[in-house]
Amino acid sequence: MAIYGVNSIAFYPASRIIAAFFMALSPFAVYLSQEARYYTLPMLLIILSLFLLIKIQQDIFTSQRVRLSVWLLWLIINSLVFIFTTSLV
């Protein structure tokens, strides 16, 4: 579902369905969902971080006001991803 949201703002509308389809059938994603360790939360946080990075990029390209809340949320999520991925190794 998260990859569907990222593709809905990043690419054309048909790409979100294709990306969700490939994510659902991806052997790597299926393997990680069956793994005993908790890899799905860092994967979700990485997708959410990518979503926020695309929003920041769109704000810069359209010359809108840069939203500090989006930057702050992006920073917090990236910090959480760093903490989770270093503790899993």
PDB file of N, CA and C in Angstrom:
ATOM      1  N   MET A   1       0.814  -1.185   0.000  1.00  0.00           N
ATOM      2  CA  MET A   1       0.000   0.000   0.000  1.00  0.00           C
ATOM      3  C   MET A   1       0.863   1.257   0.000  1.00  0.00           C
ATOM      4  N   ALA A   2       1.979   1.209   0.699  1.00  0.00           N
ATOM      5  CA  ALA A   2       2.853   2.376   0.766  1.00  0.00           C
ATOM      6  C   ALA A   2       3.510   2.644  -0.584  1.00  0.00           C
ATOM      7  N   ILE A   3       3.901   1.605  -1.274  1.00  0.00           N
ATOM      8  CA  ILE A   3       4.514   1.792  -2.589  1.00  0.00           C
ATOM      9  C   ILE A   3       3.494   2.337  -3.583  1.00  0.00           C
ATOM     10  N   TYR A   4       2.238   2.011  -3.391  1.00  0.00           N
ATOM     11  CA  TYR A   4       1.150   2.553  -4.202  1.00  0.00           C
ATOM     12  C   TYR A   4       1.068   4.068  -4.011  1.00  0.00           C
ATOM     13  N   GLY A   5       1.182   4.526  -2.773  1.00  0.00           N
ATOM     14  CA  GLY A   5       1.134   5.957  -2.490  1.00  0.00           C
ATOM     15  C   GLY A   5       2.323   6.713  -3.046  1.00  0.00           C
ATOM     16  N   VAL A   6       3.506   6.118  -2.960  1.00  0.00           N
ATOM     17  CA  VAL A   6       4.694   6.777  -3.499  1.00  0.00           C
ATOM     18  C   VAL A   6       4.582   6.929  -5.015  1.00  0.00           C
ATOM     19  N   ASN A   7       4.134   5.899  -5.681  1.00  0.00           N
ATOM     20  CA  ASN A   7       4.012   5.978  -7.137  1.00  0.00           C
ATOM     21  C   ASN A   7       2.871   6.872  -7.577  1.00  0.00           C
ATOM     22  N   SER A   8       1.882   7.070  -6.730  1.00  0.00           N
ATOM     23  CA  SER A   8       0.775   7.940  -7.127  1.00  0.00           C
ATOM     24  C   SER A   8       1.207   9.395  -7.214  1.00  0.00           C
ATOM     25  N   ILE A   9       2.213   9.800  -6.415  1.00  0.00           N
ATOM     26  CA  ILE A   9       2.674  11.179  -6.512  1.00  0.00           C
ATOM     27  C   ILE A   9       3.910  11.328  -7.385  1.00  0.00           C
ATOM     28  N   ALA A  10       4.621  10.243  -7.639  1.00  0.00           N
ATOM     29  CA  ALA A  10       5.878  10.346  -8.376  1.00  0.00           C
ATOM     30  C   ALA A  10       5.730  10.134  -9.876  1.00  0.00           C
ATOM     31  N   PHE A  11       4.833   9.242 -10.295  1.00  0.00           N
ATOM     32  CA  PHE A  11       4.750   8.866 -11.699  1.00  0.00           C
ATOM     33  C   PHE A  11       3.324   8.960 -12.199  1.00  0.00           C
ATOM     34  N   TYR A  12       3.085   8.464 -13.367  1.00  0.00           N
ATOM     35  CA  TYR A  12       1.748   8.502 -13.953  1.00  0.00           C
ATOM     36  C   TYR A  12       0.840   7.486 -13.249  1.00  0.00           C
ATOM     37  N   PRO A  13      -0.487   7.646 -13.352  1.00  0.00           N
ATOM     38  CA  PRO A  13      -1.419   6.846 -12.538  1.00  0.00           C
ATOM     39  C   PRO A  13      -1.331   5.333 -12.718  1.00  0.00           C
ATOM     40  N   ALA A  14      -1.028   4.849 -13.902  1.00  0.00           N
ATOM     41  CA  ALA A  14      -0.971   3.399 -14.093  1.00  0.00           C
ATOM     42  C   ALA A  14       0.236   2.775 -13.392  1.00  0.00           C
ATOM     43  N   SER A  15       1.256   3.565 -13.116  1.00  0.00           N
ATOM     44  CA  SER A  15       2.458   3.008 -12.489  1.00  0.00           C
ATOM     45  C   SER A  15       2.212   2.591 -11.053  1.00  0.00           C
ATOM     46  N   ARG A  16       1.259   3.223 -10.385  1.00  0.00           N
ATOM     47  CA  ARG A  16       1.017   2.843  -8.993  1.00  0.00           C
ATOM     48  C   ARG A  16       0.449   1.434  -8.890  1.00  0.00           C
ATOM     49  N   ILE A  17      -0.397   1.056  -9.829  1.00  0.00           N
ATOM     50  CA  ILE A  17      -0.959  -0.296  -9.823  1.00  0.00           C
ATOM     51  C   ILE A  17       0.111  -1.318 -10.185  1.00  0.00           C
ATOM     52  N   ILE A  18       0.941  -0.978 -11.153  1.00  0.00           N
ATOM     53  CA  ILE A  18       2.017  -1.877 -11.568  1.00  0.00           C
ATOM     54  C   ILE A  18       3.018  -2.074 -10.423  1.00  0.00           C
ATOM     55  N   ALA A  19       3.379  -0.990  -9.746  1.00  0.00           N
ATOM     56  CA  ALA A  19       4.339  -1.100  -8.635  1.00  0.00           C
ATOM     57  C   ALA A  19       3.770  -1.915  -7.477  1.00  0.00           C
ATOM     58  N   ALA A  20       2.493  -1.715  -7.169  1.00  0.00           N
ATOM     59  CA  ALA A  20       1.873  -2.503  -6.098  1.00  0.00           C
ATOM     60  C   ALA A  20       1.805  -3.979  -6.479  1.00  0.00           C
ATOM     61  N   PHE A  21       1.551  -4.247  -7.754  1.00  0.00           N
ATOM     62  CA  PHE A  21       1.516  -5.627  -8.235  1.00  0.00           C
ATOM     63  C   PHE A  21       2.886  -6.284  -8.099  1.00  0.00           C
ATOM     64  N   PHE A  22       3.946  -5.585  -8.534  1.00  0.00           N
ATOM     65  CA  PHE A  22       5.289  -6.147  -8.434  1.00  0.00           C
ATOM     66  C   PHE A  22       5.743  -6.290  -6.985  1.00  0.00           C
ATOM     67  N   MET A  23       5.328  -5.380  -6.125  1.00  0.00           N
ATOM     68  CA  MET A  23       5.701  -5.485  -4.714  1.00  0.00           C
ATOM     69  C   MET A  23       5.003  -6.673  -4.061  1.00  0.00           C
ATOM     70  N   ALA A  24       3.767  -6.929  -4.467  1.00  0.00           N
ATOM     71  CA  ALA A  24       3.034  -8.065  -3.894  1.00  0.00           C
ATOM     72  C   ALA A  24       3.612  -9.393  -4.352  1.00  0.00           C
ATOM     73  N   LEU A  25       4.153  -9.446  -5.559  1.00  0.00           N
ATOM     74  CA  LEU A  25       4.694 -10.691  -6.095  1.00  0.00           C
ATOM     75  C   LEU A  25       6.210 -10.796  -6.016  1.00  0.00           C
ATOM     76  N   SER A  26       6.843  -9.802  -5.451  1.00  0.00           N
ATOM     77  CA  SER A  26       8.296  -9.797  -5.355  1.00  0.00           C
ATOM     78  C   SER A  26       8.776 -10.904  -4.420  1.00  0.00           C
ATOM     79  N   PRO A  27       9.662 -11.770  -4.884  1.00  0.00           N
ATOM     80  CA  PRO A  27      10.175 -12.831  -3.999  1.00  0.00           C
ATOM     81  C   PRO A  27      10.915 -12.272  -2.788  1.00  0.00           C
ATOM     82  N   PHE A  28      11.598 -11.158  -2.971  1.00  0.00           N
ATOM     83  CA  PHE A  28      12.321 -10.549  -1.860  1.00  0.00           C
ATOM     84  C   PHE A  28      11.358 -10.022  -0.801  1.00  0.00           C
ATOM     85  N   ALA A  29      10.277  -9.357  -1.227  1.00  0.00           N
ATOM     86  CA  ALA A  29       9.298  -8.836  -0.271  1.00  0.00           C
ATOM     87  C   ALA A  29       8.565  -9.974   0.442  1.00  0.00           C
ATOM     88  N   VAL A  30       8.259 -11.034  -0.287  1.00  0.00           N
ATOM     89  CA  VAL A  30       7.598 -12.183   0.337  1.00  0.00           C
ATOM     90  C   VAL A  30       8.538 -12.853   1.331  1.00  0.00           C
ATOM     91  N   TYR A  31       9.807 -12.975   0.967  1.00  0.00           N
ATOM     92  CA  TYR A  31      10.791 -13.569   1.877  1.00  0.00           C
ATOM     93  C   TYR A  31      10.926 -12.736   3.153  1.00  0.00           C
ATOM     94  N   LEU A  32      11.002 -11.404   3.000  1.00  0.00           N
ATOM     95  CA  LEU A  32      11.142 -10.554   4.180  1.00  0.00           C
ATOM     96  C   LEU A  32       9.898 -10.592   5.063  1.00  0.00           C
ATOM     97  N   SER A  33       8.734 -10.756   4.464  1.00  0.00           N
ATOM     98  CA  SER A  33       7.519 -10.824   5.279  1.00  0.00           C
ATOM     99  C   SER A  33       7.431 -12.138   6.045  1.00  0.00           C
ATOM    100  N   GLN A  34       8.077 -13.187   5.563  1.00  0.00           N
ATOM    101  CA  GLN A  34       8.062 -14.479   6.238  1.00  0.00           C
ATOM    102  C   GLN A  34       9.227 -14.655   7.208  1.00  0.00           C
ATOM    103  N   GLU A  35      10.168 -13.758   7.172  1.00  0.00           N
ATOM    104  CA  GLU A  35      11.351 -13.847   8.020  1.00  0.00           C
ATOM    105  C   GLU A  35      10.975 -13.621   9.481  1.00  0.00           C
ATOM    106  N   ALA A  36      11.702 -14.257  10.377  1.00  0.00           N
ATOM    107  CA  ALA A  36      11.405 -14.135  11.801  1.00  0.00           C
ATOM    108  C   ALA A  36      11.794 -12.765  12.349  1.00  0.00           C
ATOM    109  N   ARG A  37      12.741 -12.115  11.710  1.00  0.00           N
ATOM    110  CA  ARG A  37      13.139 -10.783  12.156  1.00  0.00           C
ATOM    111  C   ARG A  37      12.143  -9.756  11.647  1.00  0.00           C
ATOM    112  N   TYR A  38      12.220  -8.579  12.206  1.00  0.00           N
ATOM    113  CA  TYR A  38      11.263  -7.537  11.859  1.00  0.00           C
ATOM    114  C   TYR A  38      11.852  -6.608  10.797  1.00  0.00           C
ATOM    115  N   TYR A  39      11.796  -7.023   9.554  1.00  0.00           N
ATOM    116  CA  TYR A  39      12.309  -6.225   8.465  1.00  0.00           C
ATOM    117  C   TYR A  39      11.232  -5.364   7.812  1.00  0.00           C
ATOM    118  N   THR A  40       9.970  -5.654   8.065  1.00  0.00           N
ATOM    119  CA  THR A  40       8.919  -4.914   7.379  1.00  0.00           C
ATOM    120  C   THR A  40       8.801  -3.482   7.885  1.00  0.00           C
ATOM    121  N   LEU A  41       9.049  -3.232   9.150  1.00  0.00           N
ATOM    122  CA  LEU A  41       8.983  -1.865   9.666  1.00  0.00           C
ATOM    123  C   LEU A  41      10.064  -0.974   9.056  1.00  0.00           C
ATOM    124  N   PRO A  42      11.330  -1.387   8.999  1.00  0.00           N
ATOM    125  CA  PRO A  42      12.306  -0.539   8.307  1.00  0.00           C
ATOM    126  C   PRO A  42      11.978  -0.351   6.822  1.00  0.00           C
ATOM    127  N   MET A  43      11.435  -1.383   6.174  1.00  0.00           N
ATOM    128  CA  MET A  43      11.076  -1.244   4.766  1.00  0.00           C
ATOM    129  C   MET A  43       9.948  -0.219   4.608  1.00  0.00           C
ATOM    130  N   LEU A  44       8.981  -0.237   5.490  1.00  0.00           N
ATOM    131  CA  LEU A  44       7.901   0.740   5.455  1.00  0.00           C
ATOM    132  C   LEU A  44       8.425   2.144   5.724  1.00  0.00           C
ATOM    133  N   LEU A  45       9.332   2.272   6.673  1.00  0.00           N
ATOM    134  CA  LEU A  45       9.895   3.585   6.978  1.00  0.00           C
ATOM    135  C   LEU A  45      10.728   4.124   5.821  1.00  0.00           C
ATOM    136  N   ILE A  46      11.429   3.255   5.105  1.00  0.00           N
ATOM    137  CA  ILE A  46      12.199   3.695   3.948  1.00  0.00           C
ATOM    138  C   ILE A  46      11.264   4.180   2.843  1.00  0.00           C
ATOM    139  N   ILE A  47      10.168   3.481   2.629  1.00  0.00           N
ATOM    140  CA  ILE A  47       9.200   3.909   1.617  1.00  0.00           C
ATOM    141  C   ILE A  47       8.574   5.240   2.029  1.00  0.00           C
ATOM    142  N   LEU A  48       8.270   5.405   3.311  1.00  0.00           N
ATOM    143  CA  LEU A  48       7.712   6.663   3.795  1.00  0.00           C
ATOM    144  C   LEU A  48       8.714   7.806   3.667  1.00  0.00           C
ATOM    145  N   SER A  49       9.967   7.513   3.905  1.00  0.00           N
ATOM    146  CA  SER A  49      11.016   8.516   3.730  1.00  0.00           C
ATOM    147  C   SER A  49      11.137   8.935   2.264  1.00  0.00           C
ATOM    148  N   LEU A  50      11.025   7.973   1.371  1.00  0.00           N
ATOM    149  CA  LEU A  50      11.055   8.283  -0.060  1.00  0.00           C
ATOM    150  C   LEU A  50       9.862   9.140  -0.456  1.00  0.00           C
ATOM    151  N   PHE A  51       8.684   8.839   0.106  1.00  0.00           N
ATOM    152  CA  PHE A  51       7.482   9.635  -0.150  1.00  0.00           C
ATOM    153  C   PHE A  51       7.693  11.090   0.257  1.00  0.00           C
ATOM    154  N   LEU A  52       8.250  11.302   1.447  1.00  0.00           N
ATOM    155  CA  LEU A  52       8.485  12.662   1.921  1.00  0.00           C
ATOM    156  C   LEU A  52       9.563  13.364   1.109  1.00  0.00           C
ATOM    157  N   LEU A  53      10.571  12.627   0.668  1.00  0.00           N
ATOM    158  CA  LEU A  53      11.615  13.227  -0.159  1.00  0.00           C
ATOM    159  C   LEU A  53      11.049  13.685  -1.505  1.00  0.00           C
ATOM    160  N   ILE A  54      10.143  12.926  -2.065  1.00  0.00           N
ATOM    161  CA  ILE A  54       9.499  13.332  -3.318  1.00  0.00           C
ATOM    162  C   ILE A  54       8.647  14.579  -3.097  1.00  0.00           C
ATOM    163  N   LYS A  55       7.942  14.655  -1.958  1.00  0.00           N
ATOM    164  CA  LYS A  55       7.153  15.843  -1.644  1.00  0.00           C
ATOM    165  C   LYS A  55       8.047  17.072  -1.503  1.00  0.00           C
ATOM    166  N   ILE A  56       9.204  16.921  -0.861  1.00  0.00           N
ATOM    167  CA  ILE A  56      10.149  18.031  -0.723  1.00  0.00           C
ATOM    168  C   ILE A  56      10.654  18.466  -2.091  1.00  0.00           C
ATOM    169  N   GLN A  57      10.978  17.502  -2.940  1.00  0.00           N
ATOM    170  CA  GLN A  57      11.458  17.807  -4.283  1.00  0.00           C
ATOM    171  C   GLN A  57      10.383  18.517  -5.106  1.00  0.00           C
ATOM    172  N   GLN A  58       9.140  18.087  -4.997  1.00  0.00           N
ATOM    173  CA  GLN A  58       8.061  18.747  -5.724  1.00  0.00           C
ATOM    174  C   GLN A  58       7.847  20.172  -5.227  1.00  0.00           C
ATOM    175  N   ASP A  59       7.990  20.396  -3.926  1.00  0.00           N
ATOM    176  CA  ASP A  59       7.871  21.757  -3.406  1.00  0.00           C
ATOM    177  C   ASP A  59       8.976  22.654  -3.941  1.00  0.00           C
ATOM    178  N   ILE A  60      10.178  22.132  -4.061  1.00  0.00           N
ATOM    179  CA  ILE A  60      11.300  22.923  -4.569  1.00  0.00           C
ATOM    180  C   ILE A  60      11.125  23.216  -6.054  1.00  0.00           C
ATOM    181  N   PHE A  61      10.714  22.222  -6.833  1.00  0.00           N
ATOM    182  CA  PHE A  61      10.566  22.413  -8.274  1.00  0.00           C
ATOM    183  C   PHE A  61       9.406  23.332  -8.637  1.00  0.00           C
ATOM    184  N   THR A  62       8.345  23.320  -7.851  1.00  0.00           N
ATOM    185  CA  THR A  62       7.203  24.192  -8.145  1.00  0.00           C
ATOM    186  C   THR A  62       7.342  25.553  -7.478  1.00  0.00           C
ATOM    187  N   SER A  63       8.465  25.790  -6.844  1.00  0.00           N
ATOM    188  CA  SER A  63       8.784  27.061  -6.172  1.00  0.00           C
ATOM    189  C   SER A  63       7.754  27.432  -5.117  1.00  0.00           C
ATOM    190  N   GLN A  64       7.212  26.423  -4.487  1.00  0.00           N
ATOM    191  CA  GLN A  64       6.320  26.692  -3.371  1.00  0.00           C
ATOM    192  C   GLN A  64       7.139  26.935  -2.116  1.00  0.00           C
ATOM    193  N   ARG A  65       6.450  27.343  -1.097  1.00  0.00           N
ATOM    194  CA  ARG A  65       7.109  27.550   0.185  1.00  0.00           C
ATOM    195  C   ARG A  65       7.536  26.187   0.729  1.00  0.00           C
ATOM    196  N   VAL A  66       8.765  26.093   1.164  1.00  0.00           N
ATOM    197  CA  VAL A  66       9.278  24.835   1.712  1.00  0.00           C
ATOM    198  C   VAL A  66       8.657  24.637   3.087  1.00  0.00           C
ATOM    199  N   ARG A  67       8.009  23.489   3.252  1.00  0.00           N
ATOM    200  CA  ARG A  67       7.312  23.205   4.513  1.00  0.00           C
ATOM    201  C   ARG A  67       8.284  22.594   5.509  1.00  0.00           C
ATOM    202  N   LEU A  68       8.455  23.272   6.612  1.00  0.00           N
ATOM    203  CA  LEU A  68       9.380  22.820   7.649  1.00  0.00           C
ATOM    204  C   LEU A  68       8.903  21.524   8.295  1.00  0.00           C
ATOM    205  N   SER A  69       7.594  21.336   8.396  1.00  0.00           N
ATOM    206  CA  SER A  69       7.062  20.117   9.019  1.00  0.00           C
ATOM    207  C   SER A  69       7.424  18.876   8.199  1.00  0.00           C
ATOM    208  N   VAL A  70       7.414  18.996   6.874  1.00  0.00           N
ATOM    209  CA  VAL A  70       7.778  17.857   6.026  1.00  0.00           C
ATOM    210  C   VAL A  70       9.262  17.543   6.190  1.00  0.00           C
ATOM    211  N   TRP A  71      10.098  18.574   6.234  1.00  0.00           N
ATOM    212  CA  TRP A  71      11.527  18.350   6.442  1.00  0.00           C
ATOM    213  C   TRP A  71      11.803  17.702   7.788  1.00  0.00           C
ATOM    214  N   LEU A  72      11.111  18.182   8.818  1.00  0.00           N
ATOM    215  CA  LEU A  72      11.320  17.638  10.150  1.00  0.00           C
ATOM    216  C   LEU A  72      10.860  16.190  10.241  1.00  0.00           C
ATOM    217  N   LEU A  73       9.713  15.883   9.650  1.00  0.00           N
ATOM    218  CA  LEU A  73       9.230  14.506   9.636  1.00  0.00           C
ATOM    219  C   LEU A  73      10.170  13.596   8.850  1.00  0.00           C
ATOM    220  N   TRP A  74      10.690  14.097   7.741  1.00  0.00           N
ATOM    221  CA  TRP A  74      11.659  13.329   6.939  1.00  0.00           C
ATOM    222  C   TRP A  74      12.920  13.036   7.757  1.00  0.00           C
ATOM    223  N   LEU A  75      13.377  14.015   8.502  1.00  0.00           N
ATOM    224  CA  LEU A  75      14.565  13.833   9.335  1.00  0.00           C
ATOM    225  C   LEU A  75      14.321  12.810  10.439  1.00  0.00           C
ATOM    226  N   ILE A  76      13.157  12.854  11.056  1.00  0.00           N
ATOM    227  CA  ILE A  76      12.829  11.906  12.121  1.00  0.00           C
ATOM    228  C   ILE A  76      12.727  10.487  11.576  1.00  0.00           C
ATOM    229  N   ILE A  77      12.074  10.335  10.441  1.00  0.00           N
ATOM    230  CA  ILE A  77      11.916   8.997   9.859  1.00  0.00           C
ATOM    231  C   ILE A  77      13.257   8.436   9.419  1.00  0.00           C
ATOM    232  N   ASN A  78      14.118   9.269   8.837  1.00  0.00           N
ATOM    233  CA  ASN A  78      15.445   8.782   8.453  1.00  0.00           C
ATOM    234  C   ASN A  78      16.273   8.386   9.666  1.00  0.00           C
ATOM    235  N   SER A  79      16.117   9.101  10.761  1.00  0.00           N
ATOM    236  CA  SER A  79      16.819   8.728  11.992  1.00  0.00           C
ATOM    237  C   SER A  79      16.317   7.386  12.518  1.00  0.00           C
ATOM    238  N   LEU A  80      15.000   7.172  12.457  1.00  0.00           N
ATOM    239  CA  LEU A  80      14.446   5.888  12.883  1.00  0.00           C
ATOM    240  C   LEU A  80      14.920   4.745  11.991  1.00  0.00           C
ATOM    241  N   VAL A  81      14.989   4.985  10.697  1.00  0.00           N
ATOM    242  CA  VAL A  81      15.489   3.959   9.776  1.00  0.00           C
ATOM    243  C   VAL A  81      16.925   3.611  10.115  1.00  0.00           C
ATOM    244  N   PHE A  82      17.727   4.616  10.395  1.00  0.00           N
ATOM    245  CA  PHE A  82      19.120   4.363  10.757  1.00  0.00           C
ATOM    246  C   PHE A  82      19.215   3.547  12.035  1.00  0.00           C
ATOM    247  N   ILE A  83      18.398   3.877  13.016  1.00  0.00           N
ATOM    248  CA  ILE A  83      18.423   3.140  14.285  1.00  0.00           C
ATOM    249  C   ILE A  83      17.975   1.697  14.087  1.00  0.00           C
ATOM    250  N   PHE A  84      16.889   1.501  13.349  1.00  0.00           N
ATOM    251  CA  PHE A  84      16.383   0.141  13.138  1.00  0.00           C
ATOM    252  C   PHE A  84      17.338  -0.719  12.314  1.00  0.00           C
ATOM    253  N   THR A  85      17.906  -0.151  11.268  1.00  0.00           N
ATOM    254  CA  THR A  85      18.760  -0.973  10.410  1.00  0.00           C
ATOM    255  C   THR A  85      20.091  -1.284  11.077  1.00  0.00           C
ATOM    256  N   THR A  86      20.600  -0.413  11.903  1.00  0.00           N
ATOM    257  CA  THR A  86      21.863  -0.728  12.584  1.00  0.00           C
ATOM    258  C   THR A  86      21.643  -1.730  13.714  1.00  0.00           C
ATOM    259  N   SER A  87      20.449  -1.765  14.288  1.00  0.00           N
ATOM    260  CA  SER A  87      20.203  -2.729  15.365  1.00  0.00           C
ATOM    261  C   SER A  87      19.894  -4.126  14.808  1.00  0.00           C
ATOM    262  N   LEU A  88      19.496  -4.216  13.542  1.00  0.00           N
ATOM    263  CA  LEU A  88      19.184  -5.518  12.947  1.00  0.00           C
ATOM    264  C   LEU A  88      20.416  -6.274  12.473  1.00  0.00           C
ATOM    265  N   VAL A  89      21.505  -5.561  12.289  1.00  0.00           N
ATOM    266  CA  VAL A  89      22.702  -6.194  11.751  1.00  0.00           C
ATOM    267  C   VAL A  89      23.413  -7.001  12.784  1.00  0.00           C
TER     268      VAL A  89
END
